[in-house]
Amino acid sequence: MKHVIVLFAALAVFCAVKAQDEVQVISFNNDNNVDGSYQFAYEQSDGQKREEKGELKPVEGSDEPALSVKGSYEYTDSNGQRYRVDYVADERGYRPTVTKL
């Protein structure tokens, strides 16, 4: 009897899980250059987007260059609110700016 109860409980949980549509990649671009710079971008069928560019830049007081990255991504939260995050990441850290769309 315990096995039957466990089986039905597991079945109820399985059926209660909301099915999600399979997410498709709509567009994708990726470029890697010999100088260490790069850029990529993609968009998915669920509305998620991301783009990023990176390059090596000289750092004052250092013989070694540092990677400087700029980019953004967009997504929709579980309540349906859309957001865009623009960011810069370099020798001074990661600096995001969030905007409600």
PDB file of N, CA and C in Angstrom:
ATOM      1  N   MET A   1       0.827  -1.203   0.000  1.00  0.00           N
ATOM      2  CA  MET A   1       0.000   0.000   0.000  1.00  0.00           C
ATOM      3  C   MET A   1       0.866   1.261   0.000  1.00  0.00           C
ATOM      4  N   LYS A   2       1.979   1.227   0.774  1.00  0.00           N
ATOM      5  CA  LYS A   2       2.863   2.386   0.816  1.00  0.00           C
ATOM      6  C   LYS A   2       3.434   2.691  -0.568  1.00  0.00           C
ATOM      7  N   HIS A   3       3.748   1.634  -1.313  1.00  0.00           N
ATOM      8  CA  HIS A   3       4.318   1.818  -2.651  1.00  0.00           C
ATOM      9  C   HIS A   3       3.313   2.485  -3.590  1.00  0.00           C
ATOM     10  N   VAL A   4       2.058   2.136  -3.448  1.00  0.00           N
ATOM     11  CA  VAL A   4       1.014   2.722  -4.289  1.00  0.00           C
ATOM     12  C   VAL A   4       0.863   4.207  -3.970  1.00  0.00           C
ATOM     13  N   ILE A   5       0.888   4.558  -2.695  1.00  0.00           N
ATOM     14  CA  ILE A   5       0.766   5.962  -2.290  1.00  0.00           C
ATOM     15  C   ILE A   5       1.947   6.769  -2.814  1.00  0.00           C
ATOM     16  N   VAL A   6       3.153   6.223  -2.669  1.00  0.00           N
ATOM     17  CA  VAL A   6       4.353   6.905  -3.163  1.00  0.00           C
ATOM     18  C   VAL A   6       4.282   7.067  -4.678  1.00  0.00           C
ATOM     19  N   LEU A   7       3.820   6.043  -5.373  1.00  0.00           N
ATOM     20  CA  LEU A   7       3.702   6.097  -6.822  1.00  0.00           C
ATOM     21  C   LEU A   7       2.724   7.191  -7.252  1.00  0.00           C
ATOM     22  N   PHE A   8       1.564   7.251  -6.607  1.00  0.00           N
ATOM     23  CA  PHE A   8       0.587   8.278  -6.953  1.00  0.00           C
ATOM     24  C   PHE A   8       1.072   9.680  -6.575  1.00  0.00           C
ATOM     25  N   ALA A   9       1.789   9.802  -5.473  1.00  0.00           N
ATOM     26  CA  ALA A   9       2.344  11.106  -5.089  1.00  0.00           C
ATOM     27  C   ALA A   9       3.367  11.571  -6.119  1.00  0.00           C
ATOM     28  N   ALA A  10       4.224  10.668  -6.559  1.00  0.00           N
ATOM     29  CA  ALA A  10       5.219  11.011  -7.578  1.00  0.00           C
ATOM     30  C   ALA A  10       4.544  11.376  -8.893  1.00  0.00           C
ATOM     31  N   LEU A  11       3.503  10.658  -9.247  1.00  0.00           N
ATOM     32  CA  LEU A  11       2.763  10.937 -10.472  1.00  0.00           C
ATOM     33  C   LEU A  11       2.087  12.308 -10.399  1.00  0.00           C
ATOM     34  N   ALA A  12       1.545  12.646  -9.244  1.00  0.00           N
ATOM     35  CA  ALA A  12       0.890  13.945  -9.069  1.00  0.00           C
ATOM     36  C   ALA A  12       1.895  15.085  -9.213  1.00  0.00           C
ATOM     37  N   VAL A  13       3.081  14.920  -8.637  1.00  0.00           N
ATOM     38  CA  VAL A  13       4.120  15.945  -8.758  1.00  0.00           C
ATOM     39  C   VAL A  13       4.556  16.075 -10.208  1.00  0.00           C
ATOM     40  N   PHE A  14       4.746  14.959 -10.878  1.00  0.00           N
ATOM     41  CA  PHE A  14       5.171  14.966 -12.276  1.00  0.00           C
ATOM     42  C   PHE A  14       4.146  15.676 -13.154  1.00  0.00           C
ATOM     43  N   CYS A  15       2.881  15.429 -12.928  1.00  0.00           N
ATOM     44  CA  CYS A  15       1.824  16.038 -13.739  1.00  0.00           C
ATOM     45  C   CYS A  15       1.643  17.520 -13.426  1.00  0.00           C
ATOM     46  N   ALA A  16       1.996  17.934 -12.213  1.00  0.00           N
ATOM     47  CA  ALA A  16       1.814  19.323 -11.810  1.00  0.00           C
ATOM     48  C   ALA A  16       2.893  20.241 -12.376  1.00  0.00           C
ATOM     49  N   VAL A  17       4.012  19.685 -12.804  1.00  0.00           N
ATOM     50  CA  VAL A  17       5.093  20.498 -13.345  1.00  0.00           C
ATOM     51  C   VAL A  17       4.645  21.108 -14.670  1.00  0.00           C
ATOM     52  N   LYS A  18       4.776  22.413 -14.768  1.00  0.00           N
ATOM     53  CA  LYS A  18       4.360  23.123 -15.979  1.00  0.00           C
ATOM     54  C   LYS A  18       5.335  22.815 -17.116  1.00  0.00           C
ATOM     55  N   ALA A  19       4.793  22.373 -18.210  1.00  0.00           N
ATOM     56  CA  ALA A  19       5.629  22.086 -19.375  1.00  0.00           C
ATOM     57  C   ALA A  19       6.077  23.396 -20.008  1.00  0.00           C
ATOM     58  N   GLN A  20       7.351  23.463 -20.375  1.00  0.00           N
ATOM     59  CA  GLN A  20       7.886  24.640 -21.037  1.00  0.00           C
ATOM     60  C   GLN A  20       8.208  24.294 -22.480  1.00  0.00           C
ATOM     61  N   ASP A  21       8.010  25.277 -23.342  1.00  0.00           N
ATOM     62  CA  ASP A  21       8.370  25.084 -24.737  1.00  0.00           C
ATOM     63  C   ASP A  21       9.881  24.991 -24.849  1.00  0.00           C
ATOM     64  N   GLU A  22      10.334  24.218 -25.805  1.00  0.00           N
ATOM     65  CA  GLU A  22      11.764  24.108 -26.045  1.00  0.00           C
ATOM     66  C   GLU A  22      12.265  25.432 -26.613  1.00  0.00           C
ATOM     67  N   VAL A  23      13.333  25.948 -26.044  1.00  0.00           N
ATOM     68  CA  VAL A  23      13.895  27.221 -26.475  1.00  0.00           C
ATOM     69  C   VAL A  23      14.804  26.985 -27.674  1.00  0.00           C
ATOM     70  N   GLN A  24      14.613  27.802 -28.703  1.00  0.00           N
ATOM     71  CA  GLN A  24      15.414  27.708 -29.927  1.00  0.00           C
ATOM     72  C   GLN A  24      16.339  28.920 -30.033  1.00  0.00           C
ATOM     73  N   VAL A  25      17.499  28.723 -30.621  1.00  0.00           N
ATOM     74  CA  VAL A  25      18.409  29.825 -30.911  1.00  0.00           C
ATOM     75  C   VAL A  25      17.977  30.442 -32.239  1.00  0.00           C
ATOM     76  N   ILE A  26      17.630  31.731 -32.213  1.00  0.00           N
ATOM     77  CA  ILE A  26      17.185  32.434 -33.415  1.00  0.00           C
ATOM     78  C   ILE A  26      18.382  32.944 -34.208  1.00  0.00           C
ATOM     79  N   SER A  27      19.342  33.531 -33.506  1.00  0.00           N
ATOM     80  CA  SER A  27      20.542  34.024 -34.182  1.00  0.00           C
ATOM     81  C   SER A  27      21.747  33.845 -33.271  1.00  0.00           C
ATOM     82  N   PHE A  28      22.917  33.655 -33.886  1.00  0.00           N
ATOM     83  CA  PHE A  28      24.163  33.488 -33.137  1.00  0.00           C
ATOM     84  C   PHE A  28      25.317  33.956 -34.005  1.00  0.00           C
ATOM     85  N   ASN A  29      26.132  34.843 -33.461  1.00  0.00           N
ATOM     86  CA  ASN A  29      27.342  35.321 -34.133  1.00  0.00           C
ATOM     87  C   ASN A  29      28.497  35.242 -33.151  1.00  0.00           C
ATOM     88  N   ASN A  30      29.671  34.836 -33.639  1.00  0.00           N
ATOM     89  CA  ASN A  30      30.838  34.709 -32.783  1.00  0.00           C
ATOM     90  C   ASN A  30      32.084  34.996 -33.609  1.00  0.00           C
ATOM     91  N   ASP A  31      32.872  35.978 -33.188  1.00  0.00           N
ATOM     92  CA  ASP A  31      34.118  36.326 -33.866  1.00  0.00           C
ATOM     93  C   ASP A  31      35.243  36.378 -32.838  1.00  0.00           C
ATOM     94  N   ASN A  32      36.301  35.606 -33.078  1.00  0.00           N
ATOM     95  CA  ASN A  32      37.508  35.635 -32.258  1.00  0.00           C
ATOM     96  C   ASN A  32      38.654  36.101 -33.147  1.00  0.00           C
ATOM     97  N   ASN A  33      39.361  37.130 -32.711  1.00  0.00           N
ATOM     98  CA  ASN A  33      40.416  37.721 -33.519  1.00  0.00           C
ATOM     99  C   ASN A  33      41.797  37.382 -32.965  1.00  0.00           C
ATOM    100  N   VAL A  34      42.808  37.432 -33.820  1.00  0.00           N
ATOM    101  CA  VAL A  34      44.168  37.057 -33.421  1.00  0.00           C
ATOM    102  C   VAL A  34      44.759  38.027 -32.409  1.00  0.00           C
ATOM    103  N   ASP A  35      44.252  39.246 -32.334  1.00  0.00           N
ATOM    104  CA  ASP A  35      44.775  40.216 -31.368  1.00  0.00           C
ATOM    105  C   ASP A  35      44.189  40.031 -29.967  1.00  0.00           C
ATOM    106  N   GLY A  36      43.371  39.000 -29.782  1.00  0.00           N
ATOM    107  CA  GLY A  36      42.773  38.728 -28.476  1.00  0.00           C
ATOM    108  C   GLY A  36      41.390  39.324 -28.297  1.00  0.00           C
ATOM    109  N   SER A  37      40.945  40.122 -29.232  1.00  0.00           N
ATOM    110  CA  SER A  37      39.603  40.696 -29.126  1.00  0.00           C
ATOM    111  C   SER A  37      38.572  39.687 -29.623  1.00  0.00           C
ATOM    112  N   TYR A  38      37.346  39.892 -29.197  1.00  0.00           N
ATOM    113  CA  TYR A  38      36.261  38.999 -29.614  1.00  0.00           C
ATOM    114  C   TYR A  38      34.940  39.734 -29.519  1.00  0.00           C
ATOM    115  N   GLN A  39      33.949  39.164 -30.140  1.00  0.00           N
ATOM    116  CA  GLN A  39      32.573  39.625 -29.957  1.00  0.00           C
ATOM    117  C   GLN A  39      31.634  38.474 -30.270  1.00  0.00           C
ATOM    118  N   PHE A  40      30.530  38.445 -29.550  1.00  0.00           N
ATOM    119  CA  PHE A  40      29.501  37.452 -29.837  1.00  0.00           C
ATOM    120  C   PHE A  40      28.140  38.020 -29.485  1.00  0.00           C
ATOM    121  N   ALA A  41      27.130  37.422 -30.069  1.00  0.00           N
ATOM    122  CA  ALA A  41      25.751  37.823 -29.796  1.00  0.00           C
ATOM    123  C   ALA A  41      24.837  36.653 -30.111  1.00  0.00           C
ATOM    124  N   TYR A  42      23.755  36.541 -29.342  1.00  0.00           N
ATOM    125  CA  TYR A  42      22.736  35.549 -29.672  1.00  0.00           C
ATOM    126  C   TYR A  42      21.374  36.035 -29.218  1.00  0.00           C
ATOM    127  N   GLU A  43      20.355  35.454 -29.823  1.00  0.00           N
ATOM    128  CA  GLU A  43      18.968  35.708 -29.436  1.00  0.00           C
ATOM    129  C   GLU A  43      18.242  34.377 -29.438  1.00  0.00           C
ATOM    130  N   GLN A  44      17.380  34.169 -28.435  1.00  0.00           N
ATOM    131  CA  GLN A  44      16.634  32.923 -28.307  1.00  0.00           C
ATOM    132  C   GLN A  44      15.145  33.168 -28.490  1.00  0.00           C
ATOM    133  N   SER A  45      14.428  32.106 -28.786  1.00  0.00           N
ATOM    134  CA  SER A  45      12.988  32.209 -29.042  1.00  0.00           C
ATOM    135  C   SER A  45      12.189  32.639 -27.818  1.00  0.00           C
ATOM    136  N   ASP A  46      12.750  32.502 -26.613  1.00  0.00           N
ATOM    137  CA  ASP A  46      12.051  32.937 -25.405  1.00  0.00           C
ATOM    138  C   ASP A  46      12.304  34.407 -25.080  1.00  0.00           C
ATOM    139  N   GLY A  47      12.992  35.121 -25.983  1.00  0.00           N
ATOM    140  CA  GLY A  47      13.223  36.548 -25.793  1.00  0.00           C
ATOM    141  C   GLY A  47      14.550  36.897 -25.154  1.00  0.00           C
ATOM    142  N   GLN A  48      15.283  35.924 -24.676  1.00  0.00           N
ATOM    143  CA  GLN A  48      16.588  36.217 -24.098  1.00  0.00           C
ATOM    144  C   GLN A  48      17.546  36.665 -25.194  1.00  0.00           C
ATOM    145  N   LYS A  49      18.352  37.680 -24.863  1.00  0.00           N
ATOM    146  CA  LYS A  49      19.349  38.201 -25.794  1.00  0.00           C
ATOM    147  C   LYS A  49      20.635  38.457 -25.024  1.00  0.00           C
ATOM    148  N   ARG A  50      21.755  38.314 -25.716  1.00  0.00           N
ATOM    149  CA  ARG A  50      23.031  38.655 -25.104  1.00  0.00           C
ATOM    150  C   ARG A  50      24.005  39.073 -26.185  1.00  0.00           C
ATOM    151  N   GLU A  51      24.797  40.089 -25.875  1.00  0.00           N
ATOM    152  CA  GLU A  51      25.881  40.497 -26.766  1.00  0.00           C
ATOM    153  C   GLU A  51      27.056  40.952 -25.908  1.00  0.00           C
ATOM    154  N   GLU A  52      28.262  40.726 -26.430  1.00  0.00           N
ATOM    155  CA  GLU A  52      29.451  41.055 -25.661  1.00  0.00           C
ATOM    156  C   GLU A  52      30.618  41.301 -26.602  1.00  0.00           C
ATOM    157  N   LYS A  53      31.457  42.278 -26.229  1.00  0.00           N
ATOM    158  CA  LYS A  53      32.687  42.578 -26.959  1.00  0.00           C
ATOM    159  C   LYS A  53      33.811  42.672 -25.942  1.00  0.00           C
ATOM    160  N   GLY A  54      34.946  42.093 -26.282  1.00  0.00           N
ATOM    161  CA  GLY A  54      36.099  42.152 -25.402  1.00  0.00           C
ATOM    162  C   GLY A  54      37.353  42.486 -26.177  1.00  0.00           C
ATOM    163  N   GLU A  55      38.260  43.207 -25.512  1.00  0.00           N
ATOM    164  CA  GLU A  55      39.538  43.536 -26.135  1.00  0.00           C
ATOM    165  C   GLU A  55      40.593  43.720 -25.056  1.00  0.00           C
ATOM    166  N   LEU A  56      41.838  43.521 -25.447  1.00  0.00           N
ATOM    167  CA  LEU A  56      42.953  43.747 -24.539  1.00  0.00           C
ATOM    168  C   LEU A  56      43.334  45.216 -24.606  1.00  0.00           C
ATOM    169  N   LYS A  57      43.440  45.842 -23.429  1.00  0.00           N
ATOM    170  CA  LYS A  57      43.790  47.259 -23.365  1.00  0.00           C
ATOM    171  C   LYS A  57      44.991  47.437 -22.444  1.00  0.00           C
ATOM    172  N   PRO A  58      45.838  48.422 -22.748  1.00  0.00           N
ATOM    173  CA  PRO A  58      46.978  48.682 -21.865  1.00  0.00           C
ATOM    174  C   PRO A  58      46.502  49.214 -20.512  1.00  0.00           C
ATOM    175  N   VAL A  59      47.243  48.849 -19.481  1.00  0.00           N
ATOM    176  CA  VAL A  59      46.922  49.295 -18.127  1.00  0.00           C
ATOM    177  C   VAL A  59      48.062  50.183 -17.648  1.00  0.00           C
ATOM    178  N   GLU A  60      47.714  51.353 -17.169  1.00  0.00           N
ATOM    179  CA  GLU A  60      48.731  52.282 -16.683  1.00  0.00           C
ATOM    180  C   GLU A  60      49.504  51.656 -15.526  1.00  0.00           C
ATOM    181  N   GLY A  61      50.823  51.702 -15.621  1.00  0.00           N
ATOM    182  CA  GLY A  61      51.670  51.158 -14.568  1.00  0.00           C
ATOM    183  C   GLY A  61      51.909  49.666 -14.665  1.00  0.00           C
ATOM    184  N   SER A  62      51.502  49.040 -15.769  1.00  0.00           N
ATOM    185  CA  SER A  62      51.691  47.597 -15.937  1.00  0.00           C
ATOM    186  C   SER A  62      52.185  47.306 -17.348  1.00  0.00           C
ATOM    187  N   ASP A  63      53.021  46.275 -17.446  1.00  0.00           N
ATOM    188  CA  ASP A  63      53.491  45.833 -18.760  1.00  0.00           C
ATOM    189  C   ASP A  63      52.490  44.897 -19.427  1.00  0.00           C
ATOM    190  N   GLU A  64      51.567  44.380 -18.656  1.00  0.00           N
ATOM    191  CA  GLU A  64      50.589  43.421 -19.163  1.00  0.00           C
ATOM    192  C   GLU A  64      49.260  44.116 -19.479  1.00  0.00           C
ATOM    193  N   PRO A  65      48.662  43.805 -20.615  1.00  0.00           N
ATOM    194  CA  PRO A  65      47.337  44.370 -20.913  1.00  0.00           C
ATOM    195  C   PRO A  65      46.257  43.676 -20.079  1.00  0.00           C
ATOM    196  N   ALA A  66      45.127  44.321 -19.977  1.00  0.00           N
ATOM    197  CA  ALA A  66      43.986  43.750 -19.252  1.00  0.00           C
ATOM    198  C   ALA A  66      42.822  43.585 -20.223  1.00  0.00           C
ATOM    199  N   LEU A  67      42.018  42.572 -19.976  1.00  0.00           N
ATOM    200  CA  LEU A  67      40.832  42.343 -20.793  1.00  0.00           C
ATOM    201  C   LEU A  67      39.744  43.320 -20.371  1.00  0.00           C
ATOM    202  N   SER A  68      39.198  44.030 -21.323  1.00  0.00           N
ATOM    203  CA  SER A  68      38.089  44.950 -21.090  1.00  0.00           C
ATOM    204  C   SER A  68      36.876  44.413 -21.846  1.00  0.00           C
ATOM    205  N   VAL A  69      35.783  44.220 -21.126  1.00  0.00           N
ATOM    206  CA  VAL A  69      34.587  43.610 -21.709  1.00  0.00           C
ATOM    207  C   VAL A  69      33.399  44.547 -21.525  1.00  0.00           C
ATOM    208  N   LYS A  70      32.624  44.711 -22.596  1.00  0.00           N
ATOM    209  CA  LYS A  70      31.369  45.466 -22.538  1.00  0.00           C
ATOM    210  C   LYS A  70      30.288  44.588 -23.139  1.00  0.00           C
ATOM    211  N   GLY A  71      29.112  44.625 -22.536  1.00  0.00           N
ATOM    212  CA  GLY A  71      28.045  43.807 -23.080  1.00  0.00           C
ATOM    213  C   GLY A  71      26.703  44.093 -22.445  1.00  0.00           C
ATOM    214  N   SER A  72      25.737  43.290 -22.843  1.00  0.00           N
ATOM    215  CA  SER A  72      24.390  43.416 -22.294  1.00  0.00           C
ATOM    216  C   SER A  72      23.651  42.103 -22.472  1.00  0.00           C
ATOM    217  N   TYR A  73      22.630  41.930 -21.650  1.00  0.00           N
ATOM    218  CA  TYR A  73      21.716  40.806 -21.835  1.00  0.00           C
ATOM    219  C   TYR A  73      20.324  41.229 -21.407  1.00  0.00           C
ATOM    220  N   GLU A  74      19.326  40.586 -22.001  1.00  0.00           N
ATOM    221  CA  GLU A  74      17.921  40.859 -21.702  1.00  0.00           C
ATOM    222  C   GLU A  74      17.223  39.560 -21.355  1.00  0.00           C
ATOM    223  N   TYR A  75      16.287  39.655 -20.416  1.00  0.00           N
ATOM    224  CA  TYR A  75      15.521  38.480 -20.026  1.00  0.00           C
ATOM    225  C   TYR A  75      14.189  38.915 -19.432  1.00  0.00           C
ATOM    226  N   THR A  76      13.285  37.958 -19.296  1.00  0.00           N
ATOM    227  CA  THR A  76      11.986  38.172 -18.673  1.00  0.00           C
ATOM    228  C   THR A  76      11.937  37.352 -17.398  1.00  0.00           C
ATOM    229  N   ASP A  77      11.558  37.986 -16.274  1.00  0.00           N
ATOM    230  CA  ASP A  77      11.491  37.245 -15.013  1.00  0.00           C
ATOM    231  C   ASP A  77      10.200  36.425 -14.934  1.00  0.00           C
ATOM    232  N   SER A  78      10.036  35.696 -13.843  1.00  0.00           N
ATOM    233  CA  SER A  78       8.884  34.796 -13.698  1.00  0.00           C
ATOM    234  C   SER A  78       7.550  35.541 -13.606  1.00  0.00           C
ATOM    235  N   ASN A  79       7.590  36.850 -13.329  1.00  0.00           N
ATOM    236  CA  ASN A  79       6.366  37.659 -13.275  1.00  0.00           C
ATOM    237  C   ASN A  79       6.061  38.349 -14.598  1.00  0.00           C
ATOM    238  N   GLY A  80       6.888  38.100 -15.614  1.00  0.00           N
ATOM    239  CA  GLY A  80       6.660  38.700 -16.918  1.00  0.00           C
ATOM    240  C   GLY A  80       7.336  40.047 -17.124  1.00  0.00           C
ATOM    241  N   GLN A  81       8.088  40.522 -16.129  1.00  0.00           N
ATOM    242  CA  GLN A  81       8.801  41.802 -16.251  1.00  0.00           C
ATOM    243  C   GLN A  81      10.088  41.593 -17.048  1.00  0.00           C
ATOM    244  N   ARG A  82      10.289  42.465 -18.024  1.00  0.00           N
ATOM    245  CA  ARG A  82      11.476  42.375 -18.885  1.00  0.00           C
ATOM    246  C   ARG A  82      12.582  43.274 -18.321  1.00  0.00           C
ATOM    247  N   TYR A  83      13.824  42.802 -18.375  1.00  0.00           N
ATOM    248  CA  TYR A  83      14.979  43.547 -17.881  1.00  0.00           C
ATOM    249  C   TYR A  83      16.099  43.546 -18.912  1.00  0.00           C
ATOM    250  N   ARG A  84      16.909  44.593 -18.851  1.00  0.00           N
ATOM    251  CA  ARG A  84      18.142  44.661 -19.640  1.00  0.00           C
ATOM    252  C   ARG A  84      19.272  45.005 -18.671  1.00  0.00           C
ATOM    253  N   VAL A  85      20.359  44.267 -18.762  1.00  0.00           N
ATOM    254  CA  VAL A  85      21.540  44.523 -17.950  1.00  0.00           C
ATOM    255  C   VAL A  85      22.675  44.897 -18.899  1.00  0.00           C
ATOM    256  N   ASP A  86      23.179  46.117 -18.759  1.00  0.00           N
ATOM    257  CA  ASP A  86      24.367  46.560 -19.490  1.00  0.00           C
ATOM    258  C   ASP A  86      25.530  46.490 -18.506  1.00  0.00           C
ATOM    259  N   TYR A  87      26.676  46.041 -18.966  1.00  0.00           N
ATOM    260  CA  TYR A  87      27.796  45.889 -18.043  1.00  0.00           C
ATOM    261  C   TYR A  87      29.126  46.200 -18.707  1.00  0.00           C
ATOM    262  N   VAL A  88      30.069  46.561 -17.846  1.00  0.00           N
ATOM    263  CA  VAL A  88      31.468  46.726 -18.213  1.00  0.00           C
ATOM    264  C   VAL A  88      32.251  45.922 -17.189  1.00  0.00           C
ATOM    265  N   ALA A  89      33.240  45.185 -17.657  1.00  0.00           N
ATOM    266  CA  ALA A  89      34.113  44.428 -16.760  1.00  0.00           C
ATOM    267  C   ALA A  89      35.544  44.650 -17.229  1.00  0.00           C
ATOM    268  N   ASP A  90      36.368  45.176 -16.323  1.00  0.00           N
ATOM    269  CA  ASP A  90      37.762  45.438 -16.656  1.00  0.00           C
ATOM    270  C   ASP A  90      38.596  45.401 -15.386  1.00  0.00           C
ATOM    271  N   GLU A  91      39.755  46.033 -15.409  1.00  0.00           N
ATOM    272  CA  GLU A  91      40.638  45.999 -14.238  1.00  0.00           C
ATOM    273  C   GLU A  91      40.013  46.680 -13.027  1.00  0.00           C
ATOM    274  N   ARG A  92      38.931  47.427 -13.233  1.00  0.00           N
ATOM    275  CA  ARG A  92      38.239  48.092 -12.117  1.00  0.00           C
ATOM    276  C   ARG A  92      37.050  47.289 -11.606  1.00  0.00           C
ATOM    277  N   GLY A  93      36.839  46.088 -12.140  1.00  0.00           N
ATOM    278  CA  GLY A  93      35.764  45.230 -11.659  1.00  0.00           C
ATOM    279  C   GLY A  93      34.587  45.142 -12.619  1.00  0.00           C
ATOM    280  N   TYR A  94      33.522  44.529 -12.134  1.00  0.00           N
ATOM    281  CA  TYR A  94      32.285  44.327 -12.898  1.00  0.00           C
ATOM    282  C   TYR A  94      31.300  45.403 -12.486  1.00  0.00           C
ATOM    283  N   ARG A  95      30.794  46.173 -13.479  1.00  0.00           N
ATOM    284  CA  ARG A  95      29.893  47.281 -13.193  1.00  0.00           C
ATOM    285  C   ARG A  95      28.630  47.159 -14.041  1.00  0.00           C
ATOM    286  N   PRO A  96      27.573  46.584 -13.458  1.00  0.00           N
ATOM    287  CA  PRO A  96      26.316  46.431 -14.202  1.00  0.00           C
ATOM    288  C   PRO A  96      25.368  47.612 -13.984  1.00  0.00           C
ATOM    289  N   THR A  97      24.509  47.833 -14.970  1.00  0.00           N
ATOM    290  CA  THR A  97      23.406  48.783 -14.869  1.00  0.00           C
ATOM    291  C   THR A  97      22.150  48.045 -15.321  1.00  0.00           C
ATOM    292  N   VAL A  98      21.150  47.970 -14.436  1.00  0.00           N
ATOM    293  CA  VAL A  98      19.923  47.222 -14.724  1.00  0.00           C
ATOM    294  C   VAL A  98      18.801  48.197 -15.074  1.00  0.00           C
ATOM    295  N   THR A  99      18.085  47.883 -16.154  1.00  0.00           N
ATOM    296  CA  THR A  99      16.970  48.716 -16.605  1.00  0.00           C
ATOM    297  C   THR A  99      15.734  47.848 -16.795  1.00  0.00           C
ATOM    298  N   LYS A 100      14.586  48.295 -16.233  1.00  0.00           N
ATOM    299  CA  LYS A 100      13.312  47.631 -16.530  1.00  0.00           C
ATOM    300  C   LYS A 100      12.854  48.101 -17.895  1.00  0.00           C
ATOM    301  N   LEU A 101      12.399  47.169 -18.710  1.00  0.00           N
ATOM    302  CA  LEU A 101      11.929  47.524 -20.054  1.00  0.00           C
ATOM    303  C   LEU A 101      10.418  47.579 -20.099  1.00  0.00           C
TER     304      LEU A 101
END
